[in-house]
Amino acid sequence: MLKQKLKPLVFGGVGGGNAASEIGLLVLRVTTGLFIAFGHGLGKIPPKDGFVQYLDKLDVPMPYLNAWMAGLGELVGGVMLALGLATRFASAWLIGVFGVATFVAKAPAFRGEAPFWVPAEGAAEPAVLYLVLALTFLLVGSGRTGVDRFLRKN
């Protein structure tokens, strides 16, 4: 009974409905996942002392553990998103990571005390963009082109 309710939640998502929208969703999912995994996560595993100290300075609890969770969330969650594997779980993990990045680390940008837009160093824009993309995939799932499609059927 529980399995029947969890399976659609974790592996669900029928996608856009036609071939063009499925290709668009595939390109967006793979690109987003790989950019997050290799552009952000790979460099955080193992966490560097500077990153741990940065989280400590932001008063993030258990900064060493959270540094690992952020790095793994971006690396593993990004790869899972790119593959379309447990897309909603991966997206939820990424929402946590980029939610902290957006509302804790980049909070000064929302108060006008720091830059919001790229190319300024430390701008909030990338964190907000990845947060919105992760939220999108939490809502729509992997579509018909992800690994989730095959897991839904079993």
N, C-alpha and C. Protein backbone atom coordinates (compact mmCIF):
# COMPACT_ATOMS: atom_id res chain seq x y z
N MET A 1 0.82 -1.20 0.00
CA MET A 1 0.00 0.00 0.00
C MET A 1 0.87 1.26 0.00
N LEU A 2 1.83 1.33 0.93
CA LEU A 2 2.72 2.48 1.00
C LEU A 2 3.55 2.60 -0.27
N LYS A 3 4.01 1.45 -0.79
CA LYS A 3 4.80 1.43 -2.02
C LYS A 3 4.00 2.02 -3.18
N GLN A 4 2.71 1.69 -3.26
CA GLN A 4 1.87 2.19 -4.33
C GLN A 4 1.69 3.70 -4.26
N LYS A 5 1.74 4.27 -3.06
CA LYS A 5 1.57 5.71 -2.90
C LYS A 5 2.89 6.45 -3.09
N LEU A 6 4.00 5.83 -2.68
CA LEU A 6 5.31 6.48 -2.78
C LEU A 6 5.87 6.47 -4.20
N LYS A 7 5.63 5.40 -4.92
CA LYS A 7 6.21 5.24 -6.26
C LYS A 7 5.84 6.40 -7.20
N PRO A 8 4.57 6.77 -7.33
CA PRO A 8 4.24 7.90 -8.20
C PRO A 8 4.82 9.22 -7.70
N LEU A 9 4.93 9.36 -6.39
CA LEU A 9 5.48 10.58 -5.82
C LEU A 9 6.96 10.72 -6.16
N VAL A 10 7.72 9.63 -6.00
CA VAL A 10 9.16 9.67 -6.25
C VAL A 10 9.49 9.61 -7.73
N PHE A 11 8.82 8.74 -8.48
CA PHE A 11 9.16 8.50 -9.87
C PHE A 11 8.15 9.07 -10.86
N GLY A 12 7.21 9.86 -10.39
CA GLY A 12 6.15 10.38 -11.25
C GLY A 12 6.59 11.51 -12.15
N GLY A 13 5.71 11.94 -13.00
CA GLY A 13 5.97 13.05 -13.91
C GLY A 13 5.83 12.62 -15.35
N VAL A 14 4.72 12.96 -15.95
CA VAL A 14 4.46 12.51 -17.31
C VAL A 14 5.04 13.43 -18.36
N GLY A 15 5.49 14.60 -17.98
CA GLY A 15 6.15 15.47 -18.94
C GLY A 15 5.21 16.37 -19.70
N GLY A 16 5.70 16.82 -20.84
CA GLY A 16 5.03 17.89 -21.57
C GLY A 16 3.93 17.48 -22.52
N GLY A 17 3.84 16.23 -22.91
CA GLY A 17 2.73 15.81 -23.73
C GLY A 17 3.04 15.60 -25.19
N ASN A 18 3.93 16.34 -25.80
CA ASN A 18 4.28 16.09 -27.20
C ASN A 18 5.80 15.98 -27.32
N ALA A 19 6.26 15.55 -28.48
CA ALA A 19 7.69 15.27 -28.67
C ALA A 19 8.55 16.51 -28.46
N ALA A 20 8.14 17.64 -28.98
CA ALA A 20 8.94 18.86 -28.85
C ALA A 20 9.07 19.28 -27.39
N SER A 21 7.97 19.21 -26.64
CA SER A 21 8.05 19.61 -25.23
C SER A 21 8.87 18.61 -24.42
N GLU A 22 8.82 17.33 -24.77
CA GLU A 22 9.64 16.32 -24.09
C GLU A 22 11.13 16.56 -24.36
N ILE A 23 11.47 16.92 -25.59
CA ILE A 23 12.87 17.22 -25.91
C ILE A 23 13.32 18.47 -25.15
N GLY A 24 12.46 19.47 -25.10
CA GLY A 24 12.77 20.68 -24.34
C GLY A 24 13.00 20.39 -22.87
N LEU A 25 12.12 19.57 -22.29
CA LEU A 25 12.25 19.19 -20.88
C LEU A 25 13.53 18.38 -20.66
N LEU A 26 13.85 17.49 -21.59
CA LEU A 26 15.07 16.70 -21.50
C LEU A 26 16.31 17.60 -21.52
N VAL A 27 16.37 18.51 -22.46
CA VAL A 27 17.52 19.41 -22.57
C VAL A 27 17.66 20.25 -21.30
N LEU A 28 16.56 20.78 -20.81
CA LEU A 28 16.60 21.60 -19.60
C LEU A 28 17.03 20.78 -18.39
N ARG A 29 16.49 19.57 -18.23
CA ARG A 29 16.82 18.71 -17.10
C ARG A 29 18.28 18.28 -17.12
N VAL A 30 18.76 17.82 -18.26
CA VAL A 30 20.15 17.34 -18.36
C VAL A 30 21.12 18.49 -18.17
N THR A 31 20.88 19.60 -18.83
CA THR A 31 21.77 20.76 -18.71
C THR A 31 21.81 21.27 -17.27
N THR A 32 20.66 21.44 -16.68
CA THR A 32 20.59 21.91 -15.30
C THR A 32 21.33 20.96 -14.37
N GLY A 33 21.04 19.68 -14.47
CA GLY A 33 21.68 18.69 -13.60
C GLY A 33 23.19 18.66 -13.75
N LEU A 34 23.68 18.67 -14.98
CA LEU A 34 25.13 18.61 -15.19
C LEU A 34 25.82 19.90 -14.76
N PHE A 35 25.19 21.05 -14.99
CA PHE A 35 25.78 22.32 -14.54
C PHE A 35 25.88 22.34 -13.02
N ILE A 36 24.85 21.88 -12.35
CA ILE A 36 24.87 21.85 -10.88
C ILE A 36 25.93 20.87 -10.40
N ALA A 37 25.92 19.65 -10.95
CA ALA A 37 26.84 18.61 -10.49
C ALA A 37 28.29 18.99 -10.71
N PHE A 38 28.64 19.38 -11.92
CA PHE A 38 30.04 19.61 -12.24
C PHE A 38 30.48 21.05 -12.06
N GLY A 39 29.56 21.98 -12.15
CA GLY A 39 29.91 23.38 -11.95
C GLY A 39 29.92 23.81 -10.51
N HIS A 40 29.18 23.09 -9.66
CA HIS A 40 29.06 23.48 -8.26
C HIS A 40 29.43 22.36 -7.30
N GLY A 41 28.93 21.18 -7.51
CA GLY A 41 29.10 20.10 -6.53
C GLY A 41 30.46 19.45 -6.53
N LEU A 42 31.03 19.18 -7.69
CA LEU A 42 32.29 18.45 -7.77
C LEU A 42 33.40 19.13 -7.00
N GLY A 43 33.47 20.44 -7.06
CA GLY A 43 34.50 21.19 -6.35
C GLY A 43 34.30 21.27 -4.85
N LYS A 44 33.13 20.84 -4.37
CA LYS A 44 32.84 20.89 -2.93
C LYS A 44 33.05 19.55 -2.23
N ILE A 45 33.48 18.53 -2.97
CA ILE A 45 33.69 17.20 -2.39
C ILE A 45 35.17 16.86 -2.49
N PRO A 46 35.86 16.63 -1.40
CA PRO A 46 35.43 16.88 -0.03
C PRO A 46 35.38 18.38 0.23
N PRO A 47 34.63 18.79 1.26
CA PRO A 47 34.50 20.23 1.53
C PRO A 47 35.84 20.85 1.91
N LYS A 48 36.11 22.00 1.34
CA LYS A 48 37.31 22.75 1.66
C LYS A 48 37.10 23.48 2.99
N ASP A 49 38.19 23.71 3.69
CA ASP A 49 38.10 24.42 4.98
C ASP A 49 37.43 25.78 4.83
N GLY A 50 37.73 26.47 3.72
CA GLY A 50 37.14 27.79 3.50
C GLY A 50 35.63 27.76 3.40
N PHE A 51 35.10 26.72 2.76
CA PHE A 51 33.64 26.58 2.64
C PHE A 51 33.01 26.30 3.99
N VAL A 52 33.63 25.42 4.76
CA VAL A 52 33.13 25.11 6.10
C VAL A 52 33.16 26.37 6.97
N GLN A 53 34.24 27.14 6.91
CA GLN A 53 34.35 28.37 7.68
C GLN A 53 33.31 29.40 7.22
N TYR A 54 33.06 29.45 5.92
CA TYR A 54 32.04 30.36 5.38
C TYR A 54 30.66 30.01 5.96
N LEU A 55 30.32 28.72 5.97
CA LEU A 55 29.03 28.29 6.55
C LEU A 55 28.97 28.61 8.04
N ASP A 56 30.08 28.43 8.73
CA ASP A 56 30.14 28.75 10.17
C ASP A 56 29.90 30.25 10.38
N LYS A 57 30.52 31.07 9.54
CA LYS A 57 30.35 32.52 9.62
C LYS A 57 28.89 32.93 9.38
N LEU A 58 28.20 32.16 8.55
CA LEU A 58 26.78 32.43 8.28
C LEU A 58 25.86 31.87 9.37
N ASP A 59 26.45 31.27 10.40
CA ASP A 59 25.70 30.63 11.50
C ASP A 59 24.87 29.45 11.05
N VAL A 60 25.32 28.76 10.00
CA VAL A 60 24.68 27.52 9.59
C VAL A 60 25.06 26.46 10.61
N PRO A 61 24.08 25.79 11.20
CA PRO A 61 24.42 24.78 12.22
C PRO A 61 25.22 23.63 11.61
N MET A 62 26.09 23.03 12.42
CA MET A 62 26.93 21.91 12.01
C MET A 62 27.54 22.17 10.62
N PRO A 63 28.39 23.18 10.52
CA PRO A 63 28.89 23.59 9.20
C PRO A 63 29.62 22.49 8.43
N TYR A 64 30.35 21.62 9.12
CA TYR A 64 31.06 20.56 8.40
C TYR A 64 30.07 19.58 7.78
N LEU A 65 29.08 19.15 8.55
CA LEU A 65 28.05 18.25 8.04
C LEU A 65 27.27 18.91 6.90
N ASN A 66 26.91 20.17 7.09
CA ASN A 66 26.15 20.87 6.05
C ASN A 66 26.98 21.14 4.81
N ALA A 67 28.27 21.29 4.97
CA ALA A 67 29.14 21.43 3.80
C ALA A 67 29.11 20.14 2.98
N TRP A 68 29.17 19.01 3.67
CA TRP A 68 29.06 17.72 2.97
C TRP A 68 27.69 17.58 2.31
N MET A 69 26.63 17.93 3.02
CA MET A 69 25.28 17.80 2.47
C MET A 69 25.09 18.70 1.24
N ALA A 70 25.66 19.90 1.28
CA ALA A 70 25.55 20.80 0.14
C ALA A 70 26.33 20.23 -1.06
N GLY A 71 27.56 19.81 -0.80
CA GLY A 71 28.38 19.27 -1.89
C GLY A 71 27.78 18.01 -2.49
N LEU A 72 27.36 17.09 -1.64
CA LEU A 72 26.73 15.86 -2.13
C LEU A 72 25.39 16.16 -2.80
N GLY A 73 24.64 17.09 -2.23
CA GLY A 73 23.36 17.47 -2.84
C GLY A 73 23.55 17.99 -4.25
N GLU A 74 24.57 18.82 -4.43
CA GLU A 74 24.82 19.37 -5.75
C GLU A 74 25.39 18.32 -6.70
N LEU A 75 26.35 17.52 -6.22
CA LEU A 75 26.97 16.52 -7.09
C LEU A 75 26.02 15.36 -7.38
N VAL A 76 25.57 14.68 -6.35
CA VAL A 76 24.70 13.52 -6.53
C VAL A 76 23.31 13.95 -7.02
N GLY A 77 22.76 14.98 -6.39
CA GLY A 77 21.44 15.46 -6.82
C GLY A 77 21.46 15.96 -8.26
N GLY A 78 22.55 16.62 -8.65
CA GLY A 78 22.67 17.09 -10.04
C GLY A 78 22.73 15.95 -11.04
N VAL A 79 23.52 14.91 -10.70
CA VAL A 79 23.60 13.74 -11.58
C VAL A 79 22.25 13.03 -11.65
N MET A 80 21.59 12.87 -10.49
CA MET A 80 20.27 12.23 -10.48
C MET A 80 19.28 13.03 -11.33
N LEU A 81 19.33 14.35 -11.22
CA LEU A 81 18.45 15.19 -12.02
C LEU A 81 18.75 15.01 -13.51
N ALA A 82 20.01 15.02 -13.88
CA ALA A 82 20.39 14.85 -15.29
C ALA A 82 19.90 13.52 -15.85
N LEU A 83 19.99 12.47 -15.03
CA LEU A 83 19.53 11.15 -15.45
C LEU A 83 18.01 11.01 -15.41
N GLY A 84 17.36 11.87 -14.66
CA GLY A 84 15.93 11.71 -14.44
C GLY A 84 15.65 10.56 -13.49
N LEU A 85 16.52 10.39 -12.51
CA LEU A 85 16.44 9.29 -11.53
C LEU A 85 15.96 9.84 -10.19
N ALA A 86 14.80 9.38 -9.73
CA ALA A 86 14.20 9.90 -8.49
C ALA A 86 14.22 11.43 -8.55
N THR A 87 13.74 11.94 -9.64
CA THR A 87 13.83 13.37 -9.96
C THR A 87 13.24 14.25 -8.88
N ARG A 88 12.12 13.86 -8.35
CA ARG A 88 11.48 14.69 -7.32
C ARG A 88 12.28 14.68 -6.02
N PHE A 89 12.85 13.55 -5.65
CA PHE A 89 13.72 13.48 -4.47
C PHE A 89 14.96 14.35 -4.69
N ALA A 90 15.61 14.20 -5.84
CA ALA A 90 16.80 14.99 -6.16
C ALA A 90 16.45 16.48 -6.16
N SER A 91 15.31 16.83 -6.72
CA SER A 91 14.89 18.23 -6.76
C SER A 91 14.65 18.78 -5.36
N ALA A 92 14.04 17.99 -4.50
CA ALA A 92 13.81 18.44 -3.13
C ALA A 92 15.13 18.69 -2.41
N TRP A 93 16.12 17.81 -2.61
CA TRP A 93 17.44 17.99 -2.01
C TRP A 93 18.08 19.28 -2.55
N LEU A 94 17.97 19.50 -3.85
CA LEU A 94 18.54 20.70 -4.45
C LEU A 94 17.81 21.96 -3.99
N ILE A 95 16.51 21.87 -3.76
CA ILE A 95 15.77 23.01 -3.21
C ILE A 95 16.31 23.36 -1.84
N GLY A 96 16.62 22.36 -1.03
CA GLY A 96 17.22 22.62 0.27
C GLY A 96 18.56 23.32 0.15
N VAL A 97 19.41 22.81 -0.73
CA VAL A 97 20.74 23.39 -0.92
C VAL A 97 20.64 24.82 -1.44
N PHE A 98 19.89 25.02 -2.51
CA PHE A 98 19.82 26.35 -3.11
C PHE A 98 18.89 27.28 -2.33
N GLY A 99 17.99 26.73 -1.53
CA GLY A 99 17.20 27.57 -0.62
C GLY A 99 18.10 28.22 0.42
N VAL A 100 19.02 27.44 0.99
CA VAL A 100 19.98 28.01 1.95
C VAL A 100 20.88 29.01 1.24
N ALA A 101 21.35 28.64 0.05
CA ALA A 101 22.22 29.56 -0.70
C ALA A 101 21.48 30.88 -0.98
N THR A 102 20.21 30.79 -1.37
CA THR A 102 19.45 31.98 -1.73
C THR A 102 19.08 32.82 -0.51
N PHE A 103 18.51 32.19 0.50
CA PHE A 103 17.91 32.95 1.59
C PHE A 103 18.83 33.16 2.80
N VAL A 104 19.95 32.45 2.83
CA VAL A 104 20.93 32.66 3.91
C VAL A 104 22.19 33.31 3.35
N ALA A 105 22.87 32.61 2.44
CA ALA A 105 24.14 33.12 1.93
C ALA A 105 23.96 34.38 1.08
N LYS A 106 22.92 34.44 0.30
CA LYS A 106 22.71 35.58 -0.60
C LYS A 106 21.67 36.57 -0.09
N ALA A 107 21.26 36.44 1.15
CA ALA A 107 20.26 37.34 1.73
C ALA A 107 20.62 38.82 1.60
N PRO A 108 21.91 39.19 1.73
CA PRO A 108 22.23 40.62 1.58
C PRO A 108 21.82 41.20 0.22
N ALA A 109 21.78 40.38 -0.82
CA ALA A 109 21.37 40.87 -2.14
C ALA A 109 19.90 41.29 -2.14
N PHE A 110 19.08 40.64 -1.34
CA PHE A 110 17.66 40.97 -1.28
C PHE A 110 17.41 42.23 -0.45
N ARG A 111 18.40 42.60 0.36
CA ARG A 111 18.31 43.83 1.15
C ARG A 111 19.02 44.99 0.46
N GLY A 112 19.56 44.75 -0.74
CA GLY A 112 20.27 45.79 -1.48
C GLY A 112 21.68 46.04 -0.97
N GLU A 113 22.19 45.13 -0.14
CA GLU A 113 23.53 45.30 0.45
C GLU A 113 24.60 44.57 -0.34
N ALA A 114 24.21 43.82 -1.35
CA ALA A 114 25.15 43.05 -2.17
C ALA A 114 24.56 42.95 -3.58
N PRO A 115 25.38 42.59 -4.55
CA PRO A 115 24.87 42.51 -5.93
C PRO A 115 23.90 41.35 -6.10
N PHE A 116 22.92 41.55 -6.94
CA PHE A 116 21.98 40.48 -7.27
C PHE A 116 22.36 39.81 -8.58
N TRP A 117 22.71 40.62 -9.58
CA TRP A 117 22.91 40.11 -10.93
C TRP A 117 24.36 39.75 -11.20
N VAL A 118 24.55 38.70 -11.97
CA VAL A 118 25.86 38.33 -12.49
C VAL A 118 26.21 39.40 -13.52
N PRO A 119 27.45 39.83 -13.69
CA PRO A 119 28.70 39.17 -13.38
C PRO A 119 29.34 39.58 -12.07
N ALA A 120 28.64 40.27 -11.21
CA ALA A 120 29.24 40.67 -9.94
C ALA A 120 29.63 39.43 -9.12
N GLU A 121 30.78 39.50 -8.46
CA GLU A 121 31.25 38.41 -7.62
C GLU A 121 30.26 38.17 -6.48
N GLY A 122 29.87 36.92 -6.27
CA GLY A 122 28.97 36.58 -5.18
C GLY A 122 27.52 36.95 -5.43
N ALA A 123 27.14 37.20 -6.66
CA ALA A 123 25.77 37.60 -6.98
C ALA A 123 24.78 36.50 -6.62
N ALA A 124 23.57 36.91 -6.30
CA ALA A 124 22.52 35.97 -5.89
C ALA A 124 21.84 35.27 -7.06
N GLU A 125 21.92 35.86 -8.24
CA GLU A 125 21.17 35.36 -9.40
C GLU A 125 21.33 33.86 -9.66
N PRO A 126 22.53 33.27 -9.69
CA PRO A 126 22.63 31.83 -9.98
C PRO A 126 21.91 30.96 -8.94
N ALA A 127 22.02 31.31 -7.68
CA ALA A 127 21.35 30.52 -6.63
C ALA A 127 19.84 30.56 -6.82
N VAL A 128 19.30 31.74 -7.12
CA VAL A 128 17.86 31.88 -7.34
C VAL A 128 17.43 31.08 -8.57
N LEU A 129 18.21 31.17 -9.64
CA LEU A 129 17.88 30.44 -10.87
C LEU A 129 17.85 28.94 -10.62
N TYR A 130 18.87 28.39 -9.96
CA TYR A 130 18.89 26.95 -9.69
C TYR A 130 17.77 26.55 -8.73
N LEU A 131 17.42 27.41 -7.79
CA LEU A 131 16.30 27.13 -6.89
C LEU A 131 15.00 27.01 -7.69
N VAL A 132 14.76 27.93 -8.60
CA VAL A 132 13.54 27.91 -9.41
C VAL A 132 13.52 26.69 -10.33
N LEU A 133 14.66 26.34 -10.91
CA LEU A 133 14.72 25.15 -11.77
C LEU A 133 14.45 23.88 -10.97
N ALA A 134 15.02 23.78 -9.78
CA ALA A 134 14.77 22.60 -8.93
C ALA A 134 13.29 22.52 -8.56
N LEU A 135 12.68 23.65 -8.25
CA LEU A 135 11.25 23.68 -7.94
C LEU A 135 10.43 23.22 -9.15
N THR A 136 10.83 23.64 -10.33
CA THR A 136 10.15 23.22 -11.56
C THR A 136 10.18 21.71 -11.70
N PHE A 137 11.34 21.09 -11.50
CA PHE A 137 11.44 19.63 -11.66
C PHE A 137 10.78 18.88 -10.50
N LEU A 138 10.68 19.51 -9.34
CA LEU A 138 9.90 18.91 -8.26
C LEU A 138 8.44 18.79 -8.69
N LEU A 139 7.95 19.79 -9.38
CA LEU A 139 6.55 19.81 -9.80
C LEU A 139 6.28 18.92 -11.01
N VAL A 140 7.17 18.93 -12.02
CA VAL A 140 6.88 18.20 -13.26
C VAL A 140 7.51 16.82 -13.33
N GLY A 141 8.49 16.53 -12.50
CA GLY A 141 9.17 15.24 -12.57
C GLY A 141 10.13 15.20 -13.75
N SER A 142 10.51 13.99 -14.14
CA SER A 142 11.53 13.82 -15.18
C SER A 142 10.98 13.85 -16.59
N GLY A 143 9.69 13.71 -16.73
CA GLY A 143 9.12 13.58 -18.07
C GLY A 143 9.26 12.16 -18.57
N ARG A 144 9.05 11.96 -19.85
CA ARG A 144 9.07 10.62 -20.42
C ARG A 144 10.46 10.14 -20.80
N THR A 145 11.46 11.01 -20.67
CA THR A 145 12.81 10.66 -21.12
C THR A 145 13.76 10.31 -19.99
N GLY A 146 13.33 10.34 -18.75
CA GLY A 146 14.21 10.04 -17.63
C GLY A 146 14.14 8.58 -17.20
N VAL A 147 15.09 8.19 -16.38
CA VAL A 147 15.12 6.83 -15.82
C VAL A 147 13.85 6.55 -15.02
N ASP A 148 13.29 7.58 -14.42
CA ASP A 148 12.05 7.41 -13.64
C ASP A 148 10.96 6.71 -14.46
N ARG A 149 10.93 6.95 -15.74
CA ARG A 149 9.91 6.35 -16.61
C ARG A 149 9.92 4.83 -16.48
N PHE A 150 11.10 4.26 -16.44
CA PHE A 150 11.21 2.80 -16.36
C PHE A 150 10.92 2.29 -14.97
N LEU A 151 11.21 3.08 -13.96
CA LEU A 151 10.96 2.69 -12.58
C LEU A 151 9.49 2.80 -12.22
N ARG A 152 8.78 3.69 -12.88
CA ARG A 152 7.34 3.86 -12.66
C ARG A 152 6.57 2.60 -13.03
N LYS A 153 7.04 1.90 -14.06
CA LYS A 153 6.30 0.78 -14.62
C LYS A 153 6.45 -0.50 -13.81
N ASN A 154 7.51 -0.63 -13.06
CA ASN A 154 7.75 -1.87 -12.30
C ASN A 154 7.03 -1.89 -10.99
